[in-house]
Amino acid sequence: MNPDNNQTNDTEETILTLTRQNQELLKANNELLNTINRREIRQFWFKVVWYMILLGVPLFAYYYLYNAFLGNFTGGDAQSNLNMQMLQEALKLYQGQ
């Protein structure tokens, strides 16, 4: 009965050892998955901010810089209407010479 009992103990020890190794591997795997998840979340928000910058800068430049500059010549307000009239008079004087 002793050899059979010895074999059972070895099998149980092997199972316990393998179970402990499996738990260690599971913990390491879980840590890696959490790290990957955190990186993916950061990468997502970085892309969102990056695309907002890529789209926002040209729109900002158009509405606040380019449009304001062209508004002086296209009649955006009363002052620009006066500027346009002055430019038209200057062109007439130039063409008349």
Protein backbone atom coordinates (compact mmCIF):
# COMPACT_ATOMS: atom_id res chain seq x y z
CA MET A 1 0.00 0.00 0.00
CA ASN A 2 2.93 2.24 0.47
CA PRO A 3 3.94 2.57 -3.24
CA ASP A 4 0.40 3.50 -4.26
CA ASN A 5 0.14 6.09 -1.49
CA ASN A 6 3.50 7.52 -2.54
CA GLN A 7 2.34 7.85 -6.12
CA THR A 8 -0.83 9.64 -4.98
CA ASN A 9 1.21 12.11 -2.93
CA ASP A 10 3.47 12.83 -5.90
CA THR A 11 0.45 13.40 -8.12
CA GLU A 12 -1.12 15.74 -5.56
CA GLU A 13 2.14 17.68 -5.19
CA THR A 14 2.44 17.96 -8.97
CA ILE A 15 -1.15 19.22 -9.20
CA LEU A 16 -0.53 21.77 -6.41
CA THR A 17 2.68 22.94 -8.07
CA LEU A 18 0.99 23.30 -11.43
CA THR A 19 -1.94 25.13 -9.80
CA ARG A 20 0.43 27.61 -8.12
CA GLN A 21 2.27 28.19 -11.40
CA ASN A 22 -1.05 28.68 -13.14
CA GLN A 23 -2.08 31.28 -10.53
CA GLU A 24 1.22 33.14 -11.00
CA LEU A 25 0.76 33.12 -14.78
CA LEU A 26 -2.82 34.34 -14.40
CA LYS A 27 -1.69 37.25 -12.21
CA ALA A 28 1.05 38.21 -14.68
CA ASN A 29 -1.40 37.93 -17.58
CA ASN A 30 -3.94 40.09 -15.75
CA GLU A 31 -1.31 42.77 -15.10
CA LEU A 32 -0.33 42.77 -18.77
CA LEU A 33 -3.95 43.04 -19.89
CA ASN A 34 -4.56 45.95 -17.50
CA THR A 35 -1.46 47.71 -18.84
CA ILE A 36 -2.60 47.19 -22.43
CA ASN A 37 -6.09 48.46 -21.55
CA ARG A 38 -4.66 51.62 -19.94
CA ARG A 39 -2.48 52.25 -22.99
CA GLU A 40 -5.43 51.79 -25.34
CA ILE A 41 -7.53 54.26 -23.35
CA ARG A 42 -4.71 56.83 -23.37
CA GLN A 43 -4.12 56.27 -27.06
CA PHE A 44 -7.84 56.76 -27.81
CA TRP A 45 -7.99 60.08 -25.96
CA PHE A 46 -4.71 61.21 -27.51
CA LYS A 47 -6.18 60.53 -30.97
CA VAL A 48 -9.36 62.43 -30.09
CA VAL A 49 -7.35 65.45 -28.96
CA TRP A 50 -5.03 65.18 -31.96
CA TYR A 51 -7.90 65.15 -34.46
CA MET A 52 -9.57 68.04 -32.63
CA ILE A 53 -6.36 70.01 -33.03
CA LEU A 54 -6.00 69.01 -36.67
CA LEU A 55 -9.56 70.10 -37.42
CA GLY A 56 -9.74 72.97 -34.94
CA VAL A 57 -6.67 74.94 -35.98
CA PRO A 58 -7.69 75.36 -39.63
CA LEU A 59 -11.27 76.20 -38.64
CA PHE A 60 -10.04 78.70 -36.07
CA ALA A 61 -7.68 80.21 -38.61
CA TYR A 62 -10.48 80.47 -41.18
CA TYR A 63 -13.12 82.02 -38.96
CA TYR A 64 -10.95 84.34 -36.88
CA LEU A 65 -8.05 85.24 -39.16
CA TYR A 66 -8.84 84.63 -42.81
CA ASN A 67 -12.54 85.49 -42.65
CA ALA A 68 -11.86 88.63 -40.58
CA PHE A 69 -9.25 89.74 -43.11
CA LEU A 70 -11.53 89.11 -46.09
CA GLY A 71 -14.49 90.64 -44.25
CA ASN A 72 -12.85 94.04 -44.70
CA PHE A 73 -13.11 93.69 -48.46
CA THR A 74 -16.38 91.81 -48.83
CA GLY A 75 -18.68 94.02 -46.77
CA GLY A 76 -18.95 92.27 -43.46
CA ASP A 77 -19.95 95.39 -41.48
CA ALA A 78 -20.42 99.17 -41.80
CA GLN A 79 -16.69 99.92 -41.68
CA SER A 80 -15.97 97.36 -44.37
CA ASN A 81 -18.76 98.87 -46.53
CA LEU A 82 -17.02 102.24 -46.19
CA ASN A 83 -13.68 100.62 -47.07
CA MET A 84 -15.27 98.98 -50.11
CA GLN A 85 -16.70 102.29 -51.31
CA MET A 86 -13.30 103.92 -50.89
CA LEU A 87 -11.67 101.13 -52.91
CA GLN A 88 -14.28 101.47 -55.66
CA GLU A 89 -13.75 105.24 -55.83
CA ALA A 90 -9.99 104.74 -55.94
CA LEU A 91 -10.39 102.27 -58.82
CA LYS A 92 -12.61 104.69 -60.73
CA LEU A 93 -10.08 107.46 -60.28
CA TYR A 94 -7.28 105.20 -61.39
CA GLN A 95 -9.20 103.99 -64.44
CA GLY A 96 -10.19 107.56 -65.31
CA GLN A 97 -6.59 108.72 -65.59
